[in-house]
All heavy atoms as atom14 arrays in JSON, in Angstrom:
{
  "sequence": "YLQMNSLKPEDTAVYYCAAAWVPPSGIRWSN",
  "atom14_mask": [
    [1, 1, 1, 1, 1, 1, 1, 1, 1, 1, 1, 1, 0, 0],
    [1, 1, 1, 1, 1, 1, 1, 1, 0, 0, 0, 0, 0, 0],
    [1, 1, 1, 1, 1, 1, 1, 1, 1, 0, 0, 0, 0, 0],
    [1, 1, 1, 1, 1, 1, 1, 1, 0, 0, 0, 0, 0, 0],
    [1, 1, 1, 1, 1, 1, 1, 1, 0, 0, 0, 0, 0, 0],
    [1, 1, 1, 1, 1, 1, 0, 0, 0, 0, 0, 0, 0, 0],
    [1, 1, 1, 1, 1, 1, 1, 1, 0, 0, 0, 0, 0, 0],
    [1, 1, 1, 1, 1, 1, 1, 1, 1, 0, 0, 0, 0, 0],
    [1, 1, 1, 1, 1, 1, 1, 0, 0, 0, 0, 0, 0, 0],
    [1, 1, 1, 1, 1, 1, 1, 1, 1, 0, 0, 0, 0, 0],
    [1, 1, 1, 1, 1, 1, 1, 1, 0, 0, 0, 0, 0, 0],
    [1, 1, 1, 1, 1, 1, 1, 0, 0, 0, 0, 0, 0, 0],
    [1, 1, 1, 1, 1, 0, 0, 0, 0, 0, 0, 0, 0, 0],
    [1, 1, 1, 1, 1, 1, 1, 0, 0, 0, 0, 0, 0, 0],
    [1, 1, 1, 1, 1, 1, 1, 1, 1, 1, 1, 1, 0, 0],
    [1, 1, 1, 1, 1, 1, 1, 1, 1, 1, 1, 1, 0, 0],
    [1, 1, 1, 1, 1, 1, 0, 0, 0, 0, 0, 0, 0, 0],
    [1, 1, 1, 1, 1, 0, 0, 0, 0, 0, 0, 0, 0, 0],
    [1, 1, 1, 1, 1, 0, 0, 0, 0, 0, 0, 0, 0, 0],
    [1, 1, 1, 1, 1, 0, 0, 0, 0, 0, 0, 0, 0, 0],
    [1, 1, 1, 1, 1, 1, 1, 1, 1, 1, 1, 1, 1, 1],
    [1, 1, 1, 1, 1, 1, 1, 0, 0, 0, 0, 0, 0, 0],
    [1, 1, 1, 1, 1, 1, 1, 0, 0, 0, 0, 0, 0, 0],
    [1, 1, 1, 1, 1, 1, 1, 0, 0, 0, 0, 0, 0, 0],
    [1, 1, 1, 1, 1, 1, 0, 0, 0, 0, 0, 0, 0, 0],
    [1, 1, 1, 1, 0, 0, 0, 0, 0, 0, 0, 0, 0, 0],
    [1, 1, 1, 1, 1, 1, 1, 1, 0, 0, 0, 0, 0, 0],
    [1, 1, 1, 1, 1, 1, 1, 1, 1, 1, 1, 0, 0, 0],
    [1, 1, 1, 1, 1, 1, 1, 1, 1, 1, 1, 1, 1, 1],
    [1, 1, 1, 1, 1, 1, 0, 0, 0, 0, 0, 0, 0, 0],
    [1, 1, 1, 1, 1, 1, 1, 1, 0, 0, 0, 0, 0, 0]
  ],
  "atom14_positions": [
    [[5.59, -14.87, -44.42], [5.87, -15.62, -45.62], [6.82, -14.85, -46.52], [6.94, -13.61, -46.47], [4.56, -15.82, -46.4], [3.47, -16.46, -45.59], [2.53, -15.68, -44.91], [3.39, -17.85, -45.45], [1.55, -16.26, -44.13], [2.41, -18.44, -44.66], [1.47, -17.63, -44.02], [0.5, -18.21, -43.26], [0.0, 0.0, 0.0], [0.0, 0.0, 0.0]],
    [[7.51, -15.58, -47.37], [8.33, -14.99, -48.42], [8.03, -15.73, -49.71], [8.4, -16.89, -49.88], [9.81, -15.11, -48.08], [10.75, -14.41, -49.08], [10.59, -12.87, -48.98], [12.2, -14.8, -48.8], [0.0, 0.0, 0.0], [0.0, 0.0, 0.0], [0.0, 0.0, 0.0], [0.0, 0.0, 0.0], [0.0, 0.0, 0.0], [0.0, 0.0, 0.0]],
    [[7.29, -15.06, -50.6], [7.02, -15.63, -51.92], [8.16, -15.27, -52.83], [8.47, -14.08, -53.01], [5.71, -15.06, -52.45], [5.35, -15.54, -53.85], [5.07, -17.01, -53.91], [4.33, -17.52, -53.06], [5.62, -17.72, -54.89], [0.0, 0.0, 0.0], [0.0, 0.0, 0.0], [0.0, 0.0, 0.0], [0.0, 0.0, 0.0], [0.0, 0.0, 0.0]],
    [[8.81, -16.27, -53.39], [10.02, -16.07, -54.22], [9.68, -16.5, -55.62], [9.45, -17.71, -55.87], [11.2, -16.84, -53.64], [11.51, -16.47, -52.2], [13.02, -17.31, -51.59], [12.46, -19.02, -51.66], [0.0, 0.0, 0.0], [0.0, 0.0, 0.0], [0.0, 0.0, 0.0], [0.0, 0.0, 0.0], [0.0, 0.0, 0.0], [0.0, 0.0, 0.0]],
    [[9.68, -15.6, -56.56], [9.44, -15.85, -57.95], [10.67, -15.57, -58.79], [11.57, -14.86, -58.33], [8.26, -15.03, -58.45], [6.97, -15.33, -57.77], [6.72, -16.46, -57.33], [6.11, -14.32, -57.62], [0.0, 0.0, 0.0], [0.0, 0.0, 0.0], [0.0, 0.0, 0.0], [0.0, 0.0, 0.0], [0.0, 0.0, 0.0], [0.0, 0.0, 0.0]],
    [[10.69, -16.07, -60.0], [11.81, -15.87, -60.91], [13.15, -16.13, -60.26], [14.09, -15.33, -60.35], [11.74, -14.43, -61.46], [10.54, -14.17, -62.12], [0.0, 0.0, 0.0], [0.0, 0.0, 0.0], [0.0, 0.0, 0.0], [0.0, 0.0, 0.0], [0.0, 0.0, 0.0], [0.0, 0.0, 0.0], [0.0, 0.0, 0.0], [0.0, 0.0, 0.0]],
    [[13.24, -17.26, -59.6], [14.43, -17.58, -58.83], [15.63, -17.75, -59.73], [15.53, -18.27, -60.83], [14.2, -18.84, -58.0], [13.36, -18.61, -56.74], [12.81, -19.93, -56.23], [14.2, -17.92, -55.68], [0.0, 0.0, 0.0], [0.0, 0.0, 0.0], [0.0, 0.0, 0.0], [0.0, 0.0, 0.0], [0.0, 0.0, 0.0], [0.0, 0.0, 0.0]],
    [[16.79, -17.32, -59.19], [18.07, -17.4, -59.88], [19.04, -18.26, -59.09], [18.89, -18.38, -57.86], [18.67, -15.99, -60.05], [17.75, -14.99, -60.72], [18.4, -13.6, -60.71], [17.52, -12.57, -61.36], [18.12, -11.24, -61.31], [0.0, 0.0, 0.0], [0.0, 0.0, 0.0], [0.0, 0.0, 0.0], [0.0, 0.0, 0.0], [0.0, 0.0, 0.0]],
    [[20.04, -18.85, -59.74], [21.02, -19.59, -58.98], [21.67, -18.78, -57.86], [22.03, -19.32, -56.83], [22.05, -19.97, -60.02], [21.25, -20.06, -61.29], [20.24, -18.97, -61.17], [0.0, 0.0, 0.0], [0.0, 0.0, 0.0], [0.0, 0.0, 0.0], [0.0, 0.0, 0.0], [0.0, 0.0, 0.0], [0.0, 0.0, 0.0], [0.0, 0.0, 0.0]],
    [[21.8, -17.47, -58.06], [22.38, -16.58, -57.05], [21.52, -16.49, -55.79], [22.0, -16.0, -54.77], [22.57, -15.17, -57.61], [23.39, -15.12, -58.9], [22.51, -15.15, -60.11], [22.12, -16.27, -60.56], [22.16, -14.05, -60.63], [0.0, 0.0, 0.0], [0.0, 0.0, 0.0], [0.0, 0.0, 0.0], [0.0, 0.0, 0.0], [0.0, 0.0, 0.0]],
    [[20.3, -16.95, -55.82], [19.41, -16.94, -54.68], [19.64, -18.15, -53.78], [19.09, -18.25, -52.67], [17.93, -16.95, -55.1], [17.55, -15.68, -55.83], [17.95, -14.57, -55.42], [16.83, -15.81, -56.84], [0.0, 0.0, 0.0], [0.0, 0.0, 0.0], [0.0, 0.0, 0.0], [0.0, 0.0, 0.0], [0.0, 0.0, 0.0], [0.0, 0.0, 0.0]],
    [[20.46, -19.08, -54.19], [20.77, -20.28, -53.4], [21.42, -19.85, -52.06], [22.41, -19.17, -52.06], [21.71, -21.21, -54.16], [21.02, -21.71, -55.3], [22.09, -22.4, -53.3], [0.0, 0.0, 0.0], [0.0, 0.0, 0.0], [0.0, 0.0, 0.0], [0.0, 0.0, 0.0], [0.0, 0.0, 0.0], [0.0, 0.0, 0.0], [0.0, 0.0, 0.0]],
    [[20.8, -20.29, -50.98], [21.27, -19.93, -49.63], [20.4, -20.61, -48.61], [19.35, -21.17, -48.93], [21.22, -18.43, -49.43], [0.0, 0.0, 0.0], [0.0, 0.0, 0.0], [0.0, 0.0, 0.0], [0.0, 0.0, 0.0], [0.0, 0.0, 0.0], [0.0, 0.0, 0.0], [0.0, 0.0, 0.0], [0.0, 0.0, 0.0], [0.0, 0.0, 0.0]],
    [[20.85, -20.54, -47.35], [19.97, -20.87, -46.25], [19.21, -19.59, -45.89], [19.82, -18.54, -45.69], [20.74, -21.37, -45.02], [19.82, -21.6, -43.84], [21.49, -22.65, -45.37], [0.0, 0.0, 0.0], [0.0, 0.0, 0.0], [0.0, 0.0, 0.0], [0.0, 0.0, 0.0], [0.0, 0.0, 0.0], [0.0, 0.0, 0.0], [0.0, 0.0, 0.0]],
    [[17.89, -19.68, -45.84], [17.05, -18.54, -45.54], [16.59, -18.59, -44.1], [16.11, -19.63, -43.63], [15.84, -18.52, -46.49], [16.2, -18.01, -47.86], [16.97, -18.78, -48.73], [15.77, -16.76, -48.31], [17.34, -18.32, -49.98], [16.14, -16.29, -49.55], [16.91, -17.08, -50.4], [17.24, -16.61, -51.65], [0.0, 0.0, 0.0], [0.0, 0.0, 0.0]],
    [[16.73, -17.47, -43.41], [16.4, -17.37, -42.0], [15.27, -16.38, -41.76], [15.28, -15.27, -42.27], [17.62, -16.91, -41.17], [18.79, -17.88, -41.2], [19.78, -17.78, -42.18], [18.87, -18.89, -40.26], [20.84, -18.64, -42.19], [19.95, -19.75, -40.26], [20.92, -19.62, -41.23], [21.96, -20.51, -41.23], [0.0, 0.0, 0.0], [0.0, 0.0, 0.0]],
    [[14.33, -16.81, -40.96], [13.28, -15.95, -40.45], [13.81, -15.25, -39.2], [14.5, -15.83, -38.38], [12.04, -16.76, -40.11], [10.69, -15.89, -39.32], [0.0, 0.0, 0.0], [0.0, 0.0, 0.0], [0.0, 0.0, 0.0], [0.0, 0.0, 0.0], [0.0, 0.0, 0.0], [0.0, 0.0, 0.0], [0.0, 0.0, 0.0], [0.0, 0.0, 0.0]],
    [[13.45, -13.96, -39.02], [13.91, -13.2, -37.88], [12.82, -12.26, -37.41], [12.01, -11.81, -38.2], [15.17, -12.41, -38.24], [0.0, 0.0, 0.0], [0.0, 0.0, 0.0], [0.0, 0.0, 0.0], [0.0, 0.0, 0.0], [0.0, 0.0, 0.0], [0.0, 0.0, 0.0], [0.0, 0.0, 0.0], [0.0, 0.0, 0.0], [0.0, 0.0, 0.0]],
    [[12.86, -11.95, -36.09], [11.89, -11.03, -35.49], [12.62, -9.93, -34.76], [13.61, -10.18, -34.08], [10.96, -11.78, -34.55], [0.0, 0.0, 0.0], [0.0, 0.0, 0.0], [0.0, 0.0, 0.0], [0.0, 0.0, 0.0], [0.0, 0.0, 0.0], [0.0, 0.0, 0.0], [0.0, 0.0, 0.0], [0.0, 0.0, 0.0], [0.0, 0.0, 0.0]],
    [[12.15, -8.7, -34.91], [12.79, -7.54, -34.3], [11.77, -6.72, -33.5], [10.73, -6.36, -34.05], [13.45, -6.67, -35.37], [0.0, 0.0, 0.0], [0.0, 0.0, 0.0], [0.0, 0.0, 0.0], [0.0, 0.0, 0.0], [0.0, 0.0, 0.0], [0.0, 0.0, 0.0], [0.0, 0.0, 0.0], [0.0, 0.0, 0.0], [0.0, 0.0, 0.0]],
    [[12.11, -6.45, -32.25], [11.35, -5.46, -31.49], [11.77, -4.08, -31.97], [12.96, -3.8, -32.03], [11.57, -5.62, -30.0], [10.79, -4.64, -29.21], [9.45, -4.7, -28.86], [11.24, -3.38, -28.69], [9.09, -3.62, -28.16], [10.16, -2.77, -28.01], [12.48, -2.71, -28.69], [10.27, -1.53, -27.41], [12.59, -1.51, -28.03], [11.5, -0.93, -27.4]],
    [[10.81, -3.25, -32.29], [11.09, -1.95, -32.89], [10.77, -0.85, -31.88], [9.61, -0.65, -31.53], [10.29, -1.73, -34.17], [10.64, -0.37, -34.81], [10.57, -2.83, -35.17], [0.0, 0.0, 0.0], [0.0, 0.0, 0.0], [0.0, 0.0, 0.0], [0.0, 0.0, 0.0], [0.0, 0.0, 0.0], [0.0, 0.0, 0.0], [0.0, 0.0, 0.0]],
    [[11.78, -0.09, -31.45], [11.51, 1.05, -30.56], [10.84, 2.19, -31.33], [10.77, 2.14, -32.56], [12.9, 1.43, -30.07], [13.8, 1.04, -31.18], [13.2, -0.23, -31.76], [0.0, 0.0, 0.0], [0.0, 0.0, 0.0], [0.0, 0.0, 0.0], [0.0, 0.0, 0.0], [0.0, 0.0, 0.0], [0.0, 0.0, 0.0], [0.0, 0.0, 0.0]],
    [[10.36, 3.21, -30.64], [9.66, 4.31, -31.32], [10.54, 4.97, -32.39], [9.97, 5.49, -33.38], [9.38, 5.3, -30.18], [9.24, 4.43, -28.98], [10.27, 3.36, -29.16], [0.0, 0.0, 0.0], [0.0, 0.0, 0.0], [0.0, 0.0, 0.0], [0.0, 0.0, 0.0], [0.0, 0.0, 0.0], [0.0, 0.0, 0.0], [0.0, 0.0, 0.0]],
    [[11.84, 4.97, -32.25], [12.72, 5.58, -33.22], [12.95, 4.74, -34.47], [13.54, 5.2, -35.44], [14.08, 5.91, -32.6], [14.67, 4.75, -32.06], [0.0, 0.0, 0.0], [0.0, 0.0, 0.0], [0.0, 0.0, 0.0], [0.0, 0.0, 0.0], [0.0, 0.0, 0.0], [0.0, 0.0, 0.0], [0.0, 0.0, 0.0], [0.0, 0.0, 0.0]],
    [[12.48, 3.49, -34.45], [12.69, 2.6, -35.59], [13.98, 1.86, -35.53], [14.75, 1.97, -34.58], [0.0, 0.0, 0.0], [0.0, 0.0, 0.0], [0.0, 0.0, 0.0], [0.0, 0.0, 0.0], [0.0, 0.0, 0.0], [0.0, 0.0, 0.0], [0.0, 0.0, 0.0], [0.0, 0.0, 0.0], [0.0, 0.0, 0.0], [0.0, 0.0, 0.0]],
    [[14.22, 1.02, -36.51], [15.47, 0.26, -36.62], [15.98, 0.31, -38.06], [15.28, 0.74, -38.99], [15.26, -1.22, -36.22], [14.29, -1.92, -37.19], [14.78, -1.31, -34.78], [14.22, -3.44, -37.02], [0.0, 0.0, 0.0], [0.0, 0.0, 0.0], [0.0, 0.0, 0.0], [0.0, 0.0, 0.0], [0.0, 0.0, 0.0], [0.0, 0.0, 0.0]],
    [[17.22, -0.14, -38.21], [17.8, -0.31, -39.53], [17.46, -1.73, -39.99], [18.04, -2.7, -39.55], [19.3, -0.09, -39.51], [19.73, 1.34, -39.13], [21.23, 1.5, -39.17], [21.6, 2.86, -38.82], [21.66, 3.87, -39.65], [21.4, 3.67, -40.93], [22.03, 5.07, -39.24], [0.0, 0.0, 0.0], [0.0, 0.0, 0.0], [0.0, 0.0, 0.0]],
    [[16.54, -1.83, -40.94], [15.95, -3.1, -41.3], [16.97, -4.07, -41.85], [16.77, -5.32, -41.66], [14.83, -2.9, -42.35], [13.78, -1.96, -41.9], [13.57, -0.68, -42.28], [12.74, -2.26, -40.93], [12.48, -0.15, -41.63], [11.96, -1.09, -40.8], [12.38, -3.42, -40.19], [10.84, -1.04, -39.93], [11.32, -3.35, -39.32], [10.55, -2.19, -39.23]],
    [[17.99, -3.62, -42.51], [18.95, -4.5, -43.13], [20.06, -4.95, -42.2], [20.91, -5.78, -42.6], [19.58, -3.77, -44.36], [20.3, -2.62, -43.97], [0.0, 0.0, 0.0], [0.0, 0.0, 0.0], [0.0, 0.0, 0.0], [0.0, 0.0, 0.0], [0.0, 0.0, 0.0], [0.0, 0.0, 0.0], [0.0, 0.0, 0.0], [0.0, 0.0, 0.0]],
    [[20.09, -4.48, -40.98], [21.11, -4.82, -40.02], [20.66, -6.03, -39.19], [19.7, -5.94, -38.43], [21.39, -3.63, -39.1], [22.54, -3.88, -38.16], [23.1, -4.95, -38.09], [22.9, -2.84, -37.41], [0.0, 0.0, 0.0], [0.0, 0.0, 0.0], [0.0, 0.0, 0.0], [0.0, 0.0, 0.0], [0.0, 0.0, 0.0], [0.0, 0.0, 0.0]]
  ]
}
């Protein structure tokens, strides 16, 4: 889930859900 409060016009977008398999070393979450 993504609870979005205090929404701004700048938040307007198509929002995508994504899933990542994470190796033991981790991942770069923002990539």
